[in-house]
Amino acid sequence: YRRMEEDEERRLLRRAVASLNERERVIIDLRFGLESGHEMTQKDVAELLGISQSYISRLEKKIILELREYLNEPAV
């Protein structure tokens, strides 16, 4: 059952990430390696995208809150 639960959690997370706009998806993927399996630091993501590390930090917090809200919504 544990494997089934983990698979379901991954499916839900993928759906939540898909609900983000493109820029948010890119940031989350780069930071946490959801697609590539390679995590990057905020500093590395900021340099890659040409924005400040503090802005990446603020965006990351906002995105994670959005994902939590999405995941806590009742299933329809």
PDB file of N, CA and C in Angstrom:
ATOM      1  N   TYR A   1       0.814  -1.200   0.000  1.00  0.00           N
ATOM      2  CA  TYR A   1       0.000   0.000   0.000  1.00  0.00           C
ATOM      3  C   TYR A   1       0.859   1.267   0.000  1.00  0.00           C
ATOM      4  N   ARG A   2       2.006   1.161   0.638  1.00  0.00           N
ATOM      5  CA  ARG A   2       2.875   2.341   0.723  1.00  0.00           C
ATOM      6  C   ARG A   2       3.275   2.833  -0.667  1.00  0.00           C
ATOM      7  N   ARG A   3       3.625   1.908  -1.536  1.00  0.00           N
ATOM      8  CA  ARG A   3       4.016   2.264  -2.905  1.00  0.00           C
ATOM      9  C   ARG A   3       2.853   2.934  -3.640  1.00  0.00           C
ATOM     10  N   MET A   4       1.656   2.416  -3.453  1.00  0.00           N
ATOM     11  CA  MET A   4       0.474   3.003  -4.099  1.00  0.00           C
ATOM     12  C   MET A   4       0.234   4.419  -3.583  1.00  0.00           C
ATOM     13  N   GLU A   5       0.401   4.628  -2.280  1.00  0.00           N
ATOM     14  CA  GLU A   5       0.226   5.953  -1.703  1.00  0.00           C
ATOM     15  C   GLU A   5       1.264   6.930  -2.245  1.00  0.00           C
ATOM     16  N   GLU A   6       2.508   6.486  -2.359  1.00  0.00           N
ATOM     17  CA  GLU A   6       3.566   7.343  -2.894  1.00  0.00           C
ATOM     18  C   GLU A   6       3.293   7.706  -4.348  1.00  0.00           C
ATOM     19  N   ASP A   7       2.828   6.730  -5.131  1.00  0.00           N
ATOM     20  CA  ASP A   7       2.492   6.997  -6.530  1.00  0.00           C
ATOM     21  C   ASP A   7       1.361   8.019  -6.628  1.00  0.00           C
ATOM     22  N   GLU A   8       0.378   7.889  -5.768  1.00  0.00           N
ATOM     23  CA  GLU A   8      -0.747   8.828  -5.774  1.00  0.00           C
ATOM     24  C   GLU A   8      -0.285  10.228  -5.363  1.00  0.00           C
ATOM     25  N   GLU A   9       0.582  10.317  -4.372  1.00  0.00           N
ATOM     26  CA  GLU A   9       1.112  11.611  -3.945  1.00  0.00           C
ATOM     27  C   GLU A   9       1.898  12.276  -5.078  1.00  0.00           C
ATOM     28  N   ARG A  10       2.690  11.493  -5.799  1.00  0.00           N
ATOM     29  CA  ARG A  10       3.443  12.039  -6.941  1.00  0.00           C
ATOM     30  C   ARG A  10       2.493  12.540  -8.025  1.00  0.00           C
ATOM     31  N   ARG A  11       1.436  11.774  -8.289  1.00  0.00           N
ATOM     32  CA  ARG A  11       0.449  12.167  -9.296  1.00  0.00           C
ATOM     33  C   ARG A  11      -0.228  13.485  -8.908  1.00  0.00           C
ATOM     34  N   LEU A  12      -0.589  13.604  -7.647  1.00  0.00           N
ATOM     35  CA  LEU A  12      -1.220  14.829  -7.168  1.00  0.00           C
ATOM     36  C   LEU A  12      -0.258  16.013  -7.248  1.00  0.00           C
ATOM     37  N   LEU A  13       0.991  15.788  -6.888  1.00  0.00           N
ATOM     38  CA  LEU A  13       1.987  16.851  -6.966  1.00  0.00           C
ATOM     39  C   LEU A  13       2.194  17.286  -8.413  1.00  0.00           C
ATOM     40  N   ARG A  14       2.279  16.325  -9.343  1.00  0.00           N
ATOM     41  CA  ARG A  14       2.431  16.678 -10.764  1.00  0.00           C
ATOM     42  C   ARG A  14       1.251  17.521 -11.242  1.00  0.00           C
ATOM     43  N   ARG A  15       0.051  17.155 -10.812  1.00  0.00           N
ATOM     44  CA  ARG A  15      -1.138  17.908 -11.204  1.00  0.00           C
ATOM     45  C   ARG A  15      -1.086  19.324 -10.619  1.00  0.00           C
ATOM     46  N   ALA A  16      -0.653  19.436  -9.365  1.00  0.00           N
ATOM     47  CA  ALA A  16      -0.549  20.752  -8.728  1.00  0.00           C
ATOM     48  C   ALA A  16       0.480  21.617  -9.449  1.00  0.00           C
ATOM     49  N   VAL A  17       1.621  21.045  -9.780  1.00  0.00           N
ATOM     50  CA  VAL A  17       2.664  21.792 -10.485  1.00  0.00           C
ATOM     51  C   VAL A  17       2.159  22.206 -11.865  1.00  0.00           C
ATOM     52  N   ALA A  18       1.397  21.348 -12.519  1.00  0.00           N
ATOM     53  CA  ALA A  18       0.852  21.671 -13.843  1.00  0.00           C
ATOM     54  C   ALA A  18      -0.115  22.855 -13.781  1.00  0.00           C
ATOM     55  N   SER A  19      -0.679  23.119 -12.609  1.00  0.00           N
ATOM     56  CA  SER A  19      -1.618  24.234 -12.467  1.00  0.00           C
ATOM     57  C   SER A  19      -0.901  25.586 -12.380  1.00  0.00           C
ATOM     58  N   LEU A  20       0.422  25.556 -12.181  1.00  0.00           N
ATOM     59  CA  LEU A  20       1.207  26.794 -12.082  1.00  0.00           C
ATOM     60  C   LEU A  20       1.433  27.388 -13.463  1.00  0.00           C
ATOM     61  N   ASN A  21       1.758  28.683 -13.498  1.00  0.00           N
ATOM     62  CA  ASN A  21       2.119  29.262 -14.787  1.00  0.00           C
ATOM     63  C   ASN A  21       3.521  28.780 -15.171  1.00  0.00           C
ATOM     64  N   GLU A  22       3.904  29.026 -16.417  1.00  0.00           N
ATOM     65  CA  GLU A  22       5.157  28.467 -16.938  1.00  0.00           C
ATOM     66  C   GLU A  22       6.380  28.886 -16.120  1.00  0.00           C
ATOM     67  N   ARG A  23       6.463  30.155 -15.789  1.00  0.00           N
ATOM     68  CA  ARG A  23       7.621  30.639 -15.030  1.00  0.00           C
ATOM     69  C   ARG A  23       7.708  29.958 -13.663  1.00  0.00           C
ATOM     70  N   GLU A  24       6.572  29.820 -12.995  1.00  0.00           N
ATOM     71  CA  GLU A  24       6.549  29.164 -11.693  1.00  0.00           C
ATOM     72  C   GLU A  24       6.964  27.702 -11.811  1.00  0.00           C
ATOM     73  N   ARG A  25       6.475  27.026 -12.863  1.00  0.00           N
ATOM     74  CA  ARG A  25       6.862  25.619 -13.077  1.00  0.00           C
ATOM     75  C   ARG A  25       8.365  25.492 -13.289  1.00  0.00           C
ATOM     76  N   VAL A  26       8.936  26.404 -14.074  1.00  0.00           N
ATOM     77  CA  VAL A  26      10.373  26.362 -14.337  1.00  0.00           C
ATOM     78  C   VAL A  26      11.152  26.524 -13.033  1.00  0.00           C
ATOM     79  N   ILE A  27      10.760  27.493 -12.230  1.00  0.00           N
ATOM     80  CA  ILE A  27      11.456  27.747 -10.968  1.00  0.00           C
ATOM     81  C   ILE A  27      11.389  26.532 -10.047  1.00  0.00           C
ATOM     82  N   ILE A  28      10.206  25.966  -9.889  1.00  0.00           N
ATOM     83  CA  ILE A  28      10.048  24.800  -9.007  1.00  0.00           C
ATOM     84  C   ILE A  28      10.822  23.603  -9.546  1.00  0.00           C
ATOM     85  N   ASP A  29      10.784  23.405 -10.859  1.00  0.00           N
ATOM     86  CA  ASP A  29      11.528  22.284 -11.432  1.00  0.00           C
ATOM     87  C   ASP A  29      13.029  22.457 -11.234  1.00  0.00           C
ATOM     88  N   LEU A  30      13.530  23.658 -11.485  1.00  0.00           N
ATOM     89  CA  LEU A  30      14.962  23.889 -11.300  1.00  0.00           C
ATOM     90  C   LEU A  30      15.375  23.726  -9.836  1.00  0.00           C
ATOM     91  N   ARG A  31      14.577  24.282  -8.940  1.00  0.00           N
ATOM     92  CA  ARG A  31      14.923  24.222  -7.512  1.00  0.00           C
ATOM     93  C   ARG A  31      14.890  22.800  -6.964  1.00  0.00           C
ATOM     94  N   PHE A  32      13.866  22.038  -7.322  1.00  0.00           N
ATOM     95  CA  PHE A  32      13.655  20.744  -6.688  1.00  0.00           C
ATOM     96  C   PHE A  32      13.878  19.551  -7.614  1.00  0.00           C
ATOM     97  N   GLY A  33      14.242  19.813  -8.876  1.00  0.00           N
ATOM     98  CA  GLY A  33      14.566  18.739  -9.803  1.00  0.00           C
ATOM     99  C   GLY A  33      13.428  17.784 -10.084  1.00  0.00           C
ATOM    100  N   LEU A  34      12.216  18.299 -10.167  1.00  0.00           N
ATOM    101  CA  LEU A  34      11.059  17.425 -10.356  1.00  0.00           C
ATOM    102  C   LEU A  34      11.136  16.632 -11.650  1.00  0.00           C
ATOM    103  N   GLU A  35      11.595  17.235 -12.721  1.00  0.00           N
ATOM    104  CA  GLU A  35      11.701  16.544 -14.006  1.00  0.00           C
ATOM    105  C   GLU A  35      13.111  16.001 -14.226  1.00  0.00           C
ATOM    106  N   SER A  36      14.088  16.822 -13.950  1.00  0.00           N
ATOM    107  CA  SER A  36      15.478  16.455 -14.263  1.00  0.00           C
ATOM    108  C   SER A  36      16.125  15.572 -13.202  1.00  0.00           C
ATOM    109  N   GLY A  37      15.609  15.629 -11.976  1.00  0.00           N
ATOM    110  CA  GLY A  37      16.231  14.899 -10.883  1.00  0.00           C
ATOM    111  C   GLY A  37      17.444  15.618 -10.309  1.00  0.00           C
ATOM    112  N   HIS A  38      17.727  16.818 -10.825  1.00  0.00           N
ATOM    113  CA  HIS A  38      18.878  17.602 -10.384  1.00  0.00           C
ATOM    114  C   HIS A  38      18.398  18.882  -9.713  1.00  0.00           C
ATOM    115  N   GLU A  39      18.595  18.991  -8.407  1.00  0.00           N
ATOM    116  CA  GLU A  39      18.181  20.177  -7.662  1.00  0.00           C
ATOM    117  C   GLU A  39      19.225  21.280  -7.812  1.00  0.00           C
ATOM    118  N   MET A  40      18.763  22.521  -7.852  1.00  0.00           N
ATOM    119  CA  MET A  40      19.659  23.672  -7.926  1.00  0.00           C
ATOM    120  C   MET A  40      19.408  24.580  -6.731  1.00  0.00           C
ATOM    121  N   THR A  41      20.418  25.338  -6.343  1.00  0.00           N
ATOM    122  CA  THR A  41      20.259  26.302  -5.259  1.00  0.00           C
ATOM    123  C   THR A  41      19.489  27.516  -5.777  1.00  0.00           C
ATOM    124  N   GLN A  42      18.967  28.317  -4.839  1.00  0.00           N
ATOM    125  CA  GLN A  42      18.306  29.560  -5.237  1.00  0.00           C
ATOM    126  C   GLN A  42      19.280  30.447  -6.005  1.00  0.00           C
ATOM    127  N   LYS A  43      20.518  30.473  -5.550  1.00  0.00           N
ATOM    128  CA  LYS A  43      21.535  31.295  -6.211  1.00  0.00           C
ATOM    129  C   LYS A  43      21.734  30.856  -7.657  1.00  0.00           C
ATOM    130  N   ASP A  44      21.843  29.550  -7.881  1.00  0.00           N
ATOM    131  CA  ASP A  44      22.036  29.029  -9.237  1.00  0.00           C
ATOM    132  C   ASP A  44      20.829  29.320 -10.133  1.00  0.00           C
ATOM    133  N   VAL A  45      19.637  29.149  -9.596  1.00  0.00           N
ATOM    134  CA  VAL A  45      18.427  29.432 -10.367  1.00  0.00           C
ATOM    135  C   VAL A  45      18.368  30.918 -10.721  1.00  0.00           C
ATOM    136  N   ALA A  46      18.683  31.758  -9.745  1.00  0.00           N
ATOM    137  CA  ALA A  46      18.663  33.207  -9.975  1.00  0.00           C
ATOM    138  C   ALA A  46      19.640  33.589 -11.087  1.00  0.00           C
ATOM    139  N   GLU A  47      20.840  33.040 -11.039  1.00  0.00           N
ATOM    140  CA  GLU A  47      21.831  33.340 -12.071  1.00  0.00           C
ATOM    141  C   GLU A  47      21.361  32.851 -13.438  1.00  0.00           C
ATOM    142  N   LEU A  48      20.802  31.659 -13.484  1.00  0.00           N
ATOM    143  CA  LEU A  48      20.324  31.097 -14.742  1.00  0.00           C
ATOM    144  C   LEU A  48      19.210  31.942 -15.353  1.00  0.00           C
ATOM    145  N   LEU A  49      18.310  32.438 -14.502  1.00  0.00           N
ATOM    146  CA  LEU A  49      17.162  33.207 -14.985  1.00  0.00           C
ATOM    147  C   LEU A  49      17.432  34.712 -15.050  1.00  0.00           C
ATOM    148  N   GLY A  50      18.584  35.135 -14.541  1.00  0.00           N
ATOM    149  CA  GLY A  50      18.944  36.550 -14.606  1.00  0.00           C
ATOM    150  C   GLY A  50      18.142  37.432 -13.667  1.00  0.00           C
ATOM    151  N   ILE A  51      17.778  36.884 -12.508  1.00  0.00           N
ATOM    152  CA  ILE A  51      17.065  37.664 -11.496  1.00  0.00           C
ATOM    153  C   ILE A  51      17.761  37.465 -10.149  1.00  0.00           C
ATOM    154  N   SER A  52      17.380  38.250  -9.155  1.00  0.00           N
ATOM    155  CA  SER A  52      18.071  38.185  -7.870  1.00  0.00           C
ATOM    156  C   SER A  52      17.659  36.957  -7.066  1.00  0.00           C
ATOM    157  N   GLN A  53      18.567  36.527  -6.209  1.00  0.00           N
ATOM    158  CA  GLN A  53      18.296  35.394  -5.337  1.00  0.00           C
ATOM    159  C   GLN A  53      17.142  35.698  -4.388  1.00  0.00           C
ATOM    160  N   SER A  54      17.062  36.926  -3.907  1.00  0.00           N
ATOM    161  CA  SER A  54      15.970  37.272  -2.991  1.00  0.00           C
ATOM    162  C   SER A  54      14.617  37.191  -3.699  1.00  0.00           C
ATOM    163  N   TYR A  55      14.595  37.530  -4.994  1.00  0.00           N
ATOM    164  CA  TYR A  55      13.348  37.425  -5.751  1.00  0.00           C
ATOM    165  C   TYR A  55      12.968  35.955  -5.934  1.00  0.00           C
ATOM    166  N   ILE A  56      13.953  35.096  -6.193  1.00  0.00           N
ATOM    167  CA  ILE A  56      13.688  33.657  -6.292  1.00  0.00           C
ATOM    168  C   ILE A  56      13.113  33.162  -4.970  1.00  0.00           C
ATOM    169  N   SER A  57      13.676  33.615  -3.861  1.00  0.00           N
ATOM    170  CA  SER A  57      13.197  33.198  -2.551  1.00  0.00           C
ATOM    171  C   SER A  57      11.734  33.595  -2.350  1.00  0.00           C
ATOM    172  N   ARG A  58      11.395  34.830  -2.688  1.00  0.00           N
ATOM    173  CA  ARG A  58      10.009  35.292  -2.551  1.00  0.00           C
ATOM    174  C   ARG A  58       9.069  34.503  -3.455  1.00  0.00           C
ATOM    175  N   LEU A  59       9.494  34.286  -4.699  1.00  0.00           N
ATOM    176  CA  LEU A  59       8.658  33.517  -5.629  1.00  0.00           C
ATOM    177  C   LEU A  59       8.465  32.086  -5.144  1.00  0.00           C
ATOM    178  N   GLU A  60       9.538  31.496  -4.663  1.00  0.00           N
ATOM    179  CA  GLU A  60       9.466  30.121  -4.177  1.00  0.00           C
ATOM    180  C   GLU A  60       8.460  29.993  -3.032  1.00  0.00           C
ATOM    181  N   LYS A  61       8.507  30.905  -2.096  1.00  0.00           N
ATOM    182  CA  LYS A  61       7.552  30.881  -0.978  1.00  0.00           C
ATOM    183  C   LYS A  61       6.123  31.003  -1.480  1.00  0.00           C
ATOM    184  N   LYS A  62       5.893  31.917  -2.409  1.00  0.00           N
ATOM    185  CA  LYS A  62       4.556  32.120  -2.982  1.00  0.00           C
ATOM    186  C   LYS A  62       4.083  30.862  -3.706  1.00  0.00           C
ATOM    187  N   ILE A  63       4.967  30.263  -4.481  1.00  0.00           N
ATOM    188  CA  ILE A  63       4.615  29.065  -5.251  1.00  0.00           C
ATOM    189  C   ILE A  63       4.292  27.906  -4.322  1.00  0.00           C
ATOM    190  N   ILE A  64       5.083  27.732  -3.292  1.00  0.00           N
ATOM    191  CA  ILE A  64       4.834  26.633  -2.351  1.00  0.00           C
ATOM    192  C   ILE A  64       3.494  26.820  -1.649  1.00  0.00           C
ATOM    193  N   LEU A  65       3.161  28.045  -1.305  1.00  0.00           N
ATOM    194  CA  LEU A  65       1.838  28.304  -0.715  1.00  0.00           C
ATOM    195  C   LEU A  65       0.723  27.948  -1.695  1.00  0.00           C
ATOM    196  N   GLU A  66       0.903  28.312  -2.959  1.00  0.00           N
ATOM    197  CA  GLU A  66      -0.095  27.970  -3.979  1.00  0.00           C
ATOM    198  C   GLU A  66      -0.245  26.456  -4.106  1.00  0.00           C
ATOM    199  N   LEU A  67       0.880  25.741  -4.098  1.00  0.00           N
ATOM    200  CA  LEU A  67       0.826  24.286  -4.204  1.00  0.00           C
ATOM    201  C   LEU A  67       0.127  23.673  -2.997  1.00  0.00           C
ATOM    202  N   ARG A  68       0.422  24.185  -1.810  1.00  0.00           N
ATOM    203  CA  ARG A  68      -0.257  23.679  -0.602  1.00  0.00           C
ATOM    204  C   ARG A  68      -1.754  23.890  -0.689  1.00  0.00           C
ATOM    205  N   GLU A  69      -2.161  25.086  -1.126  1.00  0.00           N
ATOM    206  CA  GLU A  69      -3.595  25.363  -1.263  1.00  0.00           C
ATOM    207  C   GLU A  69      -4.230  24.407  -2.261  1.00  0.00           C
ATOM    208  N   TYR A  70      -3.563  24.208  -3.396  1.00  0.00           N
ATOM    209  CA  TYR A  70      -4.091  23.308  -4.419  1.00  0.00           C
ATOM    210  C   TYR A  70      -4.234  21.891  -3.853  1.00  0.00           C
ATOM    211  N   LEU A  71      -3.208  21.433  -3.159  1.00  0.00           N
ATOM    212  CA  LEU A  71      -3.235  20.062  -2.640  1.00  0.00           C
ATOM    213  C   LEU A  71      -4.233  19.868  -1.508  1.00  0.00           C
ATOM    214  N   ASN A  72      -4.596  20.946  -0.827  1.00  0.00           N
ATOM    215  CA  ASN A  72      -5.547  20.847   0.284  1.00  0.00           C
ATOM    216  C   ASN A  72      -6.987  21.077  -0.135  1.00  0.00           C
ATOM    217  N   GLU A  73      -7.207  21.391  -1.424  1.00  0.00           N
ATOM    218  CA  GLU A  73      -8.574  21.564  -1.909  1.00  0.00           C
ATOM    219  C   GLU A  73      -9.263  20.207  -1.924  1.00  0.00           C
ATOM    220  N   PRO A  74     -10.553  20.188  -1.600  1.00  0.00           N
ATOM    221  CA  PRO A  74     -11.273  18.907  -1.662  1.00  0.00           C
ATOM    222  C   PRO A  74     -11.329  18.399  -3.102  1.00  0.00           C
ATOM    223  N   ALA A  75     -11.197  17.093  -3.264  1.00  0.00           N
ATOM    224  CA  ALA A  75     -11.273  16.488  -4.599  1.00  0.00           C
ATOM    225  C   ALA A  75     -12.680  16.626  -5.154  1.00  0.00           C
ATOM    226  N   VAL A  76     -12.741  16.884  -6.441  1.00  0.00           N
ATOM    227  CA  VAL A  76     -14.060  17.039  -7.096  1.00  0.00           C
ATOM    228  C   VAL A  76     -14.396  15.810  -7.870  1.00  0.00           C
TER     229      VAL A  76
END
